[in-house]
Amino acid sequence: VTSSTVEFSTGIYGIYGQLALTLIAAFLLIAAAANGFGAQAAMINVMRRLAGRSRHLVPQTAVLGSLSVGMISGSGSANAVVVGTITIPLMKRYGVPGTFAGAIETAASMGGLLMPPMMGVGAFLMSEFLGVPYWEVVKRGFALAFVYYASLALAVYLLCVRLLPRDVVAAPKVPPYEQVKFSIFLLAVIFLIVLMGWVGMGELRAALYAAIFMFVFLLAAFLYFKYVLKDSEVAKESLFEKVRVTVETHADMTSYLTLLLATLGIMIGLFTITGFINRMGAMLLDLGAWNIIAMILMAYVFGWLVGAGLPPTATYIIGAVVIVGPLRELGVNPWVAHFFVFLLSVWGELSPPTSLTAAVSARIAEASFMRTMWEALKICLPITLMTFAIFTRSDIVVNPGWPQVFATALVLISTCGITFAMFGRFLERLGGDVLLRVTLALFAFVTMFHPDNRVATAAGAVVVVGLIAGILRHRHVAPPKSGLQSQPAS
């Protein structure tokens, strides 16, 4: 009866709109306070200082900056706007071609959707679907984010060795006020994690306390630098303006997500009433009865088609409703099924032929949208690999603790091995180089997908040796191409 009527306890919009106005809105307070007082820009400036000592490391600013902003951002395109407006011109100034600068920022911003504690809003929805505390989702998400950003950092480094000359550049100076804002932001995130993970506080109260912590300390820092130290830069800023931006940012983000999730509640109701979910689930089960791998691939194609036209949050909700049920009926662990859909929804943000994140980055870089998206797809390969790796290395999302550490290490080794096979160089001779890279990729795939942990560990050891030797060789045999030789930074 309830499948074809309105649930009066939640209304026609369902539980999703209520979730946006409660739990998600509380976490968005943290992002709003950071944006209002310029803590996000301060983060990027500090990351520029940390990564900007070598021309090869300058593009890592995009990786570190997007990782930091991704902690409190629920959107890949918003991440690209906030970070990309600083990092893309910076990369181009130091000689990175516009297409690659846009692709690097796109890939880094995509990772922000994986980064706890926000995880592109998907973590809140997953905890609701599974009926578990939000922290249970977050502590599993850290492993996936670590694998992704470590692999991405390696890909960016290998590309920059090929594209840029090896020289030392002057690291930018970061004013004390910027350093203080960065420290407050970092402490607020740590405070949030401690409240949820160690104290055991509910996620709603923890988010509110963390938001209050960030706002109060950012306000105190502003008043101290403006009226006590009389900092010349801070003296130009207005407290009223900062509070106004904070309030407007929270209102904009919350209203957008509330409307999106409420609309999705109506859409899911239509799917249920028309029987689409049952028909799609039956089709997937029939396919799974023949071959579960074929079913997983079919589900992946379905998620890609949905993700091509919808944002990640919408893709995850539809995927969770349509795909998770059949997977669970075939014996797949609920955590694996939901994280499969979650990773699929993240990849959908970049899936051809539409990608808002790539479009934003390409526009900032003044580069071709299609070329930028294509290069970003190659750099984002770890997302694609992890989407399937969680079926064979399920401990990465099922069993937090030492089993998760072991599975994470195997997945990281394999993604780094495949990344080097794509972007690295062993030898100057093309034939021998291709042979070695293909061999490394084969061992990496064994590490990732072989069901026997002993075989996977042995293959992983070979990949580690190959990676160490390959990275050392790459620095000598992959000089910048003549057409891409950069000019000295001004």
Protein backbone atom coordinates (compact mmCIF):
# COMPACT_ATOMS: atom_id res chain seq x y z
CA VAL A 1 0.00 0.00 0.00
CA THR A 2 2.71 2.45 0.99
CA SER A 3 4.54 1.94 -2.33
CA SER A 4 1.72 3.71 -4.18
CA THR A 5 0.60 6.30 -1.64
CA VAL A 6 2.05 9.32 0.12
CA GLU A 7 3.84 8.65 3.41
CA PHE A 8 2.10 11.15 5.69
CA SER A 9 4.91 10.98 8.26
CA THR A 10 7.35 12.56 5.77
CA GLY A 11 5.11 14.21 3.18
CA ILE A 12 5.30 14.04 -0.58
CA TYR A 13 8.98 15.08 -0.56
CA GLY A 14 10.09 12.12 1.53
CA ILE A 15 12.91 12.01 4.06
CA TYR A 16 15.57 13.53 1.80
CA GLY A 17 14.44 17.15 2.14
CA GLN A 18 14.26 16.76 5.92
CA LEU A 19 17.78 15.37 5.93
CA ALA A 20 19.00 18.44 4.02
CA LEU A 21 17.43 20.81 6.55
CA THR A 22 18.83 19.02 9.60
CA LEU A 23 22.04 16.99 9.42
CA ILE A 24 23.42 18.32 6.12
CA ALA A 25 22.57 21.93 7.04
CA ALA A 26 24.54 21.55 10.27
CA PHE A 27 27.65 20.48 8.38
CA LEU A 28 27.20 23.27 5.84
CA LEU A 29 27.55 25.75 8.71
CA ILE A 30 31.23 24.78 8.85
CA ALA A 31 31.68 25.46 5.14
CA ALA A 32 29.79 28.75 5.41
CA ALA A 33 31.96 30.04 8.27
CA ALA A 34 35.13 29.04 6.41
CA ASN A 35 33.97 30.82 3.26
CA GLY A 36 32.76 33.93 5.07
CA PHE A 37 36.09 34.57 6.80
CA GLY A 38 38.27 33.50 3.87
CA ALA A 39 39.61 30.33 5.49
CA GLN A 40 39.33 28.43 2.21
CA ALA A 41 41.59 30.92 0.39
CA ALA A 42 43.99 30.78 3.35
CA MET A 43 44.15 26.98 2.99
CA ILE A 44 45.12 27.27 -0.67
CA ASN A 45 47.80 29.87 0.09
CA VAL A 46 49.34 27.63 2.75
CA MET A 47 49.28 24.68 0.35
CA ARG A 48 51.03 26.84 -2.24
CA ARG A 49 53.72 27.48 0.34
CA LEU A 50 54.10 23.77 1.12
CA ALA A 51 54.12 22.57 -2.50
CA GLY A 52 55.60 25.55 -4.29
CA ARG A 53 59.32 24.96 -3.76
CA SER A 54 59.90 23.13 -7.04
CA ARG A 55 58.38 23.66 -10.47
CA HIS A 56 57.51 19.95 -10.53
CA LEU A 57 55.62 20.32 -7.24
CA VAL A 58 53.68 23.51 -8.04
CA PRO A 59 50.71 21.55 -9.52
CA GLN A 60 50.47 19.63 -6.25
CA THR A 61 48.95 22.85 -4.92
CA ALA A 62 45.78 21.90 -6.79
CA VAL A 63 45.83 18.43 -5.21
CA LEU A 64 46.41 19.65 -1.66
CA GLY A 65 44.07 22.63 -2.01
CA SER A 66 41.19 20.58 -3.40
CA LEU A 67 41.76 17.93 -0.72
CA SER A 68 41.44 20.59 1.99
CA VAL A 69 38.43 22.38 0.51
CA GLY A 70 36.82 19.00 -0.24
CA MET A 71 36.59 18.31 3.49
CA ILE A 72 33.77 20.87 3.74
CA SER A 73 32.56 21.13 0.15
CA GLY A 74 29.75 19.00 -1.22
CA SER A 75 30.30 19.86 -4.87
CA GLY A 76 33.06 19.11 -7.37
CA SER A 77 32.25 22.17 -9.47
CA ALA A 78 32.23 24.44 -6.41
CA ASN A 79 35.59 22.98 -5.43
CA ALA A 80 36.90 23.75 -8.92
CA VAL A 81 35.68 27.35 -8.68
CA VAL A 82 37.16 27.99 -5.23
CA VAL A 83 40.52 26.28 -5.82
CA GLY A 84 40.82 26.45 -9.60
CA THR A 85 40.65 30.23 -9.82
CA ILE A 86 43.94 30.28 -7.90
CA THR A 87 45.71 27.07 -8.91
CA ILE A 88 44.99 26.94 -12.66
CA PRO A 89 46.52 30.38 -13.44
CA LEU A 90 49.39 29.45 -11.10
CA MET A 91 50.08 26.21 -13.00
CA LYS A 92 49.90 27.98 -16.36
CA ARG A 93 52.31 30.65 -15.12
CA TYR A 94 54.87 27.98 -14.32
CA GLY A 95 54.52 26.33 -17.72
CA VAL A 96 51.75 23.72 -17.44
CA PRO A 97 49.65 23.73 -20.65
CA GLY A 98 46.08 24.95 -20.12
CA THR A 99 44.51 21.58 -20.99
CA PHE A 100 46.60 19.74 -18.40
CA ALA A 101 46.13 22.49 -15.79
CA GLY A 102 42.35 22.20 -16.19
CA ALA A 103 42.51 18.39 -16.14
CA ILE A 104 44.63 18.32 -12.97
CA GLU A 105 42.23 20.67 -11.18
CA THR A 106 39.23 18.66 -12.42
CA ALA A 107 40.70 15.42 -11.07
CA ALA A 108 41.65 17.06 -7.77
CA SER A 109 38.18 18.59 -7.37
CA MET A 110 36.56 15.24 -8.12
CA GLY A 111 38.47 13.79 -5.18
CA GLY A 112 36.80 16.35 -2.95
CA LEU A 113 33.59 14.35 -3.39
CA LEU A 114 35.35 11.40 -1.72
CA MET A 115 36.94 13.38 1.09
CA PRO A 116 35.44 12.98 4.58
CA PRO A 117 33.74 14.35 6.51
CA MET A 118 31.40 15.76 3.79
CA MET A 119 31.98 13.18 1.02
CA GLY A 120 29.84 15.17 -1.40
CA VAL A 121 26.75 14.72 0.83
CA GLY A 122 26.75 11.01 -0.05
CA ALA A 123 27.88 9.99 3.43
CA PHE A 124 24.75 11.45 5.03
CA LEU A 125 22.48 9.61 2.62
CA MET A 126 24.42 6.35 3.01
CA SER A 127 24.09 6.45 6.79
CA GLU A 128 20.35 7.00 6.36
CA PHE A 129 19.99 4.08 3.92
CA LEU A 130 22.05 1.71 6.08
CA GLY A 131 20.63 2.90 9.39
CA VAL A 132 24.09 3.35 10.92
CA PRO A 133 25.78 6.33 12.62
CA TYR A 134 27.31 8.83 10.23
CA TRP A 135 30.78 8.22 11.69
CA GLU A 136 30.67 4.59 10.49
CA VAL A 137 30.51 5.85 6.91
CA VAL A 138 33.18 8.51 7.41
CA LYS A 139 35.83 6.19 8.83
CA ARG A 140 35.44 3.93 5.80
CA GLY A 141 35.59 6.89 3.45
CA PHE A 142 39.03 7.97 4.68
CA ALA A 143 40.64 4.87 3.14
CA LEU A 144 39.16 5.52 -0.30
CA ALA A 145 40.10 9.20 -0.20
CA PHE A 146 43.68 8.32 0.81
CA VAL A 147 44.06 5.88 -2.08
CA TYR A 148 42.61 8.35 -4.55
CA TYR A 149 44.72 11.36 -3.58
CA ALA A 150 47.94 9.35 -3.25
CA SER A 151 47.44 7.93 -6.76
CA LEU A 152 46.46 11.36 -8.08
CA ALA A 153 49.56 12.99 -6.57
CA LEU A 154 51.73 10.37 -8.30
CA ALA A 155 49.98 10.92 -11.66
CA VAL A 156 50.42 14.69 -11.40
CA TYR A 157 54.10 14.33 -10.49
CA LEU A 158 54.79 11.97 -13.40
CA LEU A 159 53.04 14.33 -15.80
CA CYS A 160 54.92 17.37 -14.52
CA VAL A 161 58.29 15.64 -14.88
CA ARG A 162 57.40 15.12 -18.55
CA LEU A 163 56.03 18.63 -19.09
CA LEU A 164 58.22 20.94 -17.00
CA PRO A 165 61.94 21.59 -16.56
CA ARG A 166 63.58 20.72 -13.25
CA ASP A 167 64.37 23.89 -11.34
CA VAL A 168 63.74 25.52 -7.99
CA VAL A 169 61.21 28.34 -7.66
CA ALA A 170 60.65 30.81 -4.87
CA ALA A 171 57.95 29.67 -2.46
CA PRO A 172 55.32 32.37 -1.77
CA LYS A 173 55.10 33.98 1.64
CA VAL A 174 51.96 33.45 3.70
CA PRO A 175 50.90 36.33 6.00
CA PRO A 176 50.42 35.47 9.69
CA TYR A 177 46.66 36.08 9.50
CA GLU A 178 46.37 33.52 6.69
CA GLN A 179 48.36 31.00 8.73
CA VAL A 180 46.07 31.52 11.72
CA LYS A 181 42.93 31.03 9.60
CA PHE A 182 44.36 27.85 8.14
CA SER A 183 45.18 26.54 11.63
CA ILE A 184 41.66 27.31 12.87
CA PHE A 185 40.14 25.49 9.91
CA LEU A 186 42.32 22.44 10.50
CA LEU A 187 41.58 22.44 14.23
CA ALA A 188 37.83 22.68 13.56
CA VAL A 189 37.93 19.60 11.31
CA ILE A 190 40.01 17.70 13.89
CA PHE A 191 37.58 18.83 16.62
CA LEU A 192 34.67 17.48 14.56
CA ILE A 193 36.37 14.13 14.03
CA VAL A 194 37.26 13.83 17.74
CA LEU A 195 33.68 14.60 18.79
CA MET A 196 32.21 11.94 16.48
CA GLY A 197 34.93 9.28 16.60
CA TRP A 198 36.35 9.48 20.12
CA VAL A 199 33.71 11.20 22.28
CA GLY A 200 30.90 9.38 20.45
CA MET A 201 28.73 12.47 20.11
CA GLY A 202 25.88 12.46 17.60
CA GLU A 203 26.79 13.86 14.22
CA LEU A 204 24.25 16.72 14.34
CA ARG A 205 25.50 18.09 17.68
CA ALA A 206 29.13 17.49 16.68
CA ALA A 207 28.68 19.50 13.48
CA LEU A 208 27.01 22.36 15.35
CA TYR A 209 29.78 22.47 17.96
CA ALA A 210 32.48 22.36 15.26
CA ALA A 211 30.75 25.17 13.36
CA ILE A 212 30.53 27.28 16.52
CA PHE A 213 34.19 26.51 17.25
CA MET A 214 35.26 27.66 13.78
CA PHE A 215 33.08 30.79 13.75
CA VAL A 216 34.11 31.97 17.23
CA PHE A 217 37.83 31.48 16.66
CA LEU A 218 37.77 33.02 13.17
CA LEU A 219 35.88 35.98 14.61
CA ALA A 220 38.38 36.32 17.47
CA ALA A 221 41.32 36.13 15.04
CA PHE A 222 39.75 38.80 12.83
CA LEU A 223 39.17 41.19 15.75
CA TYR A 224 42.66 40.56 17.14
CA PHE A 225 44.46 41.26 13.85
CA LYS A 226 42.22 44.23 13.02
CA TYR A 227 42.08 46.10 16.32
CA VAL A 228 45.02 44.83 18.41
CA LEU A 229 47.76 44.21 15.85
CA LYS A 230 46.24 46.72 13.41
CA ASP A 231 47.24 44.58 10.43
CA SER A 232 47.10 46.75 7.30
CA GLU A 233 45.46 44.04 5.17
CA VAL A 234 42.81 43.13 7.75
CA ALA A 235 42.06 46.81 8.41
CA LYS A 236 40.44 47.03 4.95
CA GLU A 237 37.98 44.23 5.72
CA SER A 238 34.53 44.60 7.29
CA LEU A 239 33.12 42.35 10.00
CA PHE A 240 29.58 42.96 8.74
CA GLU A 241 30.60 41.82 5.25
CA LYS A 242 32.12 38.60 6.60
CA VAL A 243 29.02 37.75 8.62
CA ARG A 244 26.82 38.57 5.61
CA VAL A 245 28.84 36.25 3.35
CA THR A 246 28.65 33.50 5.98
CA VAL A 247 24.86 33.73 6.23
CA GLU A 248 24.36 33.98 2.46
CA THR A 249 26.68 31.05 1.78
CA HIS A 250 24.80 28.81 4.20
CA ALA A 251 21.41 29.89 2.85
CA ASP A 252 22.47 29.31 -0.77
CA MET A 253 23.97 25.86 -0.18
CA THR A 254 21.17 24.66 2.10
CA SER A 255 18.35 25.88 -0.15
CA TYR A 256 19.97 24.29 -3.21
CA LEU A 257 20.41 20.91 -1.54
CA THR A 258 16.94 21.02 0.03
CA LEU A 259 15.26 21.69 -3.32
CA LEU A 260 17.40 19.03 -5.01
CA LEU A 261 16.71 16.34 -2.42
CA ALA A 262 13.01 17.21 -2.14
CA THR A 263 12.66 16.92 -5.92
CA LEU A 264 14.48 13.59 -5.81
CA GLY A 265 12.01 12.44 -3.16
CA ILE A 266 9.20 13.01 -5.66
CA MET A 267 11.21 11.25 -8.40
CA ILE A 268 11.83 8.18 -6.24
CA GLY A 269 8.12 8.09 -5.42
CA LEU A 270 7.31 8.07 -9.14
CA PHE A 271 9.85 5.30 -9.73
CA THR A 272 8.18 3.25 -7.00
CA ILE A 273 4.58 3.82 -8.10
CA THR A 274 5.27 3.07 -11.78
CA GLY A 275 7.13 -0.13 -10.92
CA PHE A 276 10.37 1.00 -12.57
CA ILE A 277 12.47 0.00 -9.56
CA ASN A 278 10.99 -3.50 -9.45
CA ARG A 279 11.44 -4.01 -13.20
CA MET A 280 15.02 -2.74 -13.20
CA GLY A 281 15.83 -4.81 -10.12
CA ALA A 282 14.35 -7.95 -11.68
CA MET A 283 16.39 -7.39 -14.84
CA LEU A 284 19.59 -7.01 -12.81
CA LEU A 285 18.77 -10.14 -10.80
CA ASP A 286 18.17 -12.14 -13.98
CA LEU A 287 21.51 -10.94 -15.30
CA GLY A 288 23.18 -11.73 -11.97
CA ALA A 289 21.79 -15.26 -11.99
CA TRP A 290 23.67 -15.77 -15.26
CA ASN A 291 26.87 -13.93 -14.27
CA ILE A 292 27.39 -11.50 -11.40
CA ILE A 293 30.22 -9.73 -13.24
CA ALA A 294 27.84 -9.00 -16.12
CA MET A 295 25.35 -7.63 -13.60
CA ILE A 296 27.96 -5.34 -12.04
CA LEU A 297 28.94 -4.05 -15.48
CA MET A 298 25.28 -3.48 -16.37
CA ALA A 299 24.78 -1.58 -13.11
CA TYR A 300 27.87 0.48 -13.94
CA VAL A 301 26.46 1.40 -17.36
CA PHE A 302 23.13 2.32 -15.76
CA GLY A 303 24.90 4.55 -13.23
CA TRP A 304 26.95 6.17 -16.00
CA LEU A 305 23.80 7.03 -17.96
CA VAL A 306 22.13 8.47 -14.85
CA GLY A 307 25.29 10.36 -13.85
CA ALA A 308 25.61 11.92 -17.30
CA GLY A 309 22.56 14.06 -16.62
CA LEU A 310 22.29 14.33 -12.83
CA PRO A 311 24.56 15.58 -10.01
CA PRO A 312 26.35 13.01 -7.82
CA THR A 313 23.82 13.27 -4.98
CA ALA A 314 20.93 12.43 -7.30
CA THR A 315 22.91 9.65 -8.97
CA TYR A 316 23.67 8.08 -5.60
CA ILE A 317 20.05 8.14 -4.43
CA ILE A 318 18.74 6.59 -7.65
CA GLY A 319 21.56 4.03 -7.69
CA ALA A 320 20.98 3.12 -4.05
CA VAL A 321 17.28 2.55 -4.73
CA VAL A 322 17.71 0.63 -8.00
CA ILE A 323 21.09 -1.16 -7.76
CA VAL A 324 21.75 -1.95 -4.09
CA GLY A 325 18.74 -4.25 -3.62
CA PRO A 326 19.65 -6.73 -6.38
CA LEU A 327 23.30 -6.75 -5.29
CA ARG A 328 22.32 -7.58 -1.71
CA GLU A 329 20.00 -10.36 -2.86
CA LEU A 330 22.97 -11.94 -4.62
CA GLY A 331 24.96 -11.91 -1.37
CA VAL A 332 26.99 -8.72 -1.77
CA ASN A 333 27.76 -7.02 1.56
CA PRO A 334 25.59 -3.89 2.08
CA TRP A 335 28.68 -1.72 2.63
CA VAL A 336 30.20 -2.92 -0.64
CA ALA A 337 26.95 -2.37 -2.53
CA HIS A 338 26.48 1.17 -1.23
CA PHE A 339 30.10 2.20 -1.75
CA PHE A 340 29.94 0.78 -5.28
CA VAL A 341 27.01 3.09 -5.99
CA PHE A 342 28.72 5.97 -4.17
CA LEU A 343 31.92 5.68 -6.24
CA LEU A 344 29.81 5.30 -9.35
CA SER A 345 27.98 8.53 -8.54
CA VAL A 346 31.30 10.35 -8.09
CA TRP A 347 32.54 9.05 -11.43
CA GLY A 348 29.24 10.18 -12.97
CA GLU A 349 30.26 13.78 -12.24
CA LEU A 350 33.04 13.32 -14.81
CA SER A 351 31.32 10.91 -17.18
CA PRO A 352 31.23 11.91 -20.85
CA PRO A 353 29.72 13.75 -22.57
CA THR A 354 28.78 16.07 -19.70
CA SER A 355 30.89 17.16 -16.75
CA LEU A 356 30.22 20.39 -14.91
CA THR A 357 33.50 20.16 -13.00
CA ALA A 358 35.52 19.74 -16.21
CA ALA A 359 33.55 22.56 -17.85
CA VAL A 360 34.36 24.95 -14.99
CA SER A 361 38.05 24.02 -14.98
CA ALA A 362 38.32 24.24 -18.78
CA ARG A 363 36.70 27.67 -18.73
CA ILE A 364 39.15 28.95 -16.11
CA ALA A 365 42.08 27.41 -18.03
CA GLU A 366 40.78 28.79 -21.37
CA ALA A 367 41.19 25.30 -22.83
CA SER A 368 39.09 22.87 -24.86
CA PHE A 369 36.35 21.29 -22.77
CA MET A 370 36.52 17.89 -24.49
CA ARG A 371 40.34 17.67 -24.30
CA THR A 372 40.31 18.75 -20.66
CA MET A 373 37.66 16.14 -19.82
CA TRP A 374 39.55 13.42 -21.70
CA GLU A 375 42.82 14.14 -19.88
CA ALA A 376 40.95 14.31 -16.56
CA LEU A 377 39.37 10.91 -17.26
CA LYS A 378 42.84 9.38 -17.58
CA ILE A 379 44.10 11.07 -14.42
CA CYS A 380 40.92 10.02 -12.53
CA LEU A 381 41.49 6.34 -13.33
CA PRO A 382 41.75 5.40 -9.60
CA ILE A 383 38.04 6.20 -9.14
CA THR A 384 37.14 3.74 -11.90
CA LEU A 385 39.46 1.07 -10.50
CA MET A 386 38.30 1.49 -6.89
CA THR A 387 34.68 1.17 -8.00
CA PHE A 388 35.37 -2.47 -8.90
CA ALA A 389 38.22 -3.17 -6.45
CA ILE A 390 35.88 -3.02 -3.44
CA PHE A 391 34.32 -6.32 -4.60
CA THR A 392 37.62 -8.22 -4.27
CA ARG A 393 39.22 -6.08 -1.54
CA SER A 394 36.00 -5.60 0.40
CA ASP A 395 37.76 -5.09 3.75
CA ILE A 396 38.55 -1.56 2.62
CA VAL A 397 34.90 -0.64 3.29
CA VAL A 398 33.61 -3.54 5.41
CA ASN A 399 36.04 -4.01 8.30
CA PRO A 400 37.66 -0.83 9.69
CA GLY A 401 40.91 -1.64 11.47
CA TRP A 402 43.86 -3.78 10.47
CA PRO A 403 41.95 -5.70 7.76
CA GLN A 404 41.07 -2.33 6.22
CA VAL A 405 44.71 -1.21 6.39
CA PHE A 406 45.87 -4.33 4.54
CA ALA A 407 43.19 -4.01 1.85
CA THR A 408 43.91 -0.29 1.48
CA ALA A 409 47.62 -0.99 0.99
CA LEU A 410 46.90 -3.52 -1.76
CA VAL A 411 44.50 -1.18 -3.56
CA LEU A 412 46.93 1.74 -3.23
CA ILE A 413 49.85 -0.29 -4.60
CA SER A 414 47.77 -1.47 -7.54
CA THR A 415 46.37 1.97 -8.42
CA CYS A 416 49.84 3.52 -8.22
CA GLY A 417 51.22 0.73 -10.42
CA ILE A 418 48.57 1.29 -13.08
CA THR A 419 49.06 5.06 -12.81
CA PHE A 420 52.78 4.64 -13.51
CA ALA A 421 52.02 2.29 -16.40
CA MET A 422 49.94 5.07 -17.95
CA PHE A 423 52.08 8.15 -17.26
CA GLY A 424 55.56 6.88 -16.35
CA ARG A 425 58.61 5.91 -18.38
CA PHE A 426 61.12 3.13 -17.71
CA LEU A 427 63.29 3.39 -20.82
CA GLU A 428 63.91 5.78 -23.67
CA ARG A 429 63.41 2.97 -26.22
CA LEU A 430 59.68 2.75 -26.89
CA GLY A 431 59.48 -1.03 -27.36
CA GLY A 432 61.22 -1.99 -24.13
CA ASP A 433 59.46 0.76 -22.20
CA VAL A 434 56.00 -0.37 -23.30
CA LEU A 435 56.81 -3.99 -22.43
CA LEU A 436 57.91 -3.07 -18.90
CA ARG A 437 54.89 -0.83 -18.32
CA VAL A 438 52.45 -3.47 -19.55
CA THR A 439 54.11 -6.03 -17.25
CA LEU A 440 53.81 -3.64 -14.30
CA ALA A 441 50.13 -3.06 -15.11
CA LEU A 442 49.45 -6.81 -15.24
CA PHE A 443 51.01 -7.35 -11.79
CA ALA A 444 49.01 -4.35 -10.52
CA PHE A 445 45.74 -5.86 -11.77
CA VAL A 446 46.62 -9.15 -10.05
CA THR A 447 47.27 -7.21 -6.83
CA MET A 448 43.89 -5.54 -7.08
CA PHE A 449 41.61 -8.32 -8.27
CA HIS A 450 43.09 -11.74 -7.41
CA PRO A 451 40.93 -13.36 -4.71
CA ASP A 452 43.89 -15.06 -2.96
CA ASN A 453 45.55 -12.58 -0.58
CA ARG A 454 48.88 -14.42 -0.75
CA VAL A 455 49.04 -14.15 -4.53
CA ALA A 456 47.92 -10.53 -4.37
CA THR A 457 50.57 -9.71 -1.75
CA ALA A 458 53.34 -11.34 -3.81
CA ALA A 459 52.24 -9.44 -6.91
CA GLY A 460 52.05 -6.25 -4.85
CA ALA A 461 55.67 -6.69 -3.74
CA VAL A 462 56.72 -6.88 -7.40
CA VAL A 463 54.72 -3.73 -8.14
CA VAL A 464 56.39 -1.84 -5.27
CA VAL A 465 59.86 -2.73 -6.56
CA GLY A 466 58.82 -1.75 -10.08
CA LEU A 467 57.39 1.55 -8.84
CA ILE A 468 60.55 2.53 -6.95
CA ALA A 469 62.78 1.68 -9.90
CA GLY A 470 60.37 3.29 -12.34
CA ILE A 471 60.07 6.60 -10.51
CA LEU A 472 63.86 6.87 -10.26
CA ARG A 473 64.20 6.08 -13.98
CA HIS A 474 61.34 8.39 -14.97
CA ARG A 475 63.20 11.45 -13.68
CA HIS A 476 66.02 10.76 -16.15
CA VAL A 477 64.26 9.42 -19.25
CA ALA A 478 61.14 11.64 -19.36
CA PRO A 479 62.43 15.18 -19.97
CA PRO A 480 60.02 17.93 -21.10
CA LYS A 481 58.95 17.72 -24.72
CA SER A 482 60.30 20.55 -26.83
CA GLY A 483 56.81 21.78 -27.72
CA LEU A 484 55.83 21.95 -24.06
CA GLN A 485 59.02 23.47 -22.67
CA SER A 486 57.92 26.12 -20.25
CA GLN A 487 59.18 29.61 -19.86
CA PRO A 488 60.68 30.80 -16.59
CA ALA A 489 58.04 32.02 -14.21
CA SER A 490 57.84 35.73 -13.86
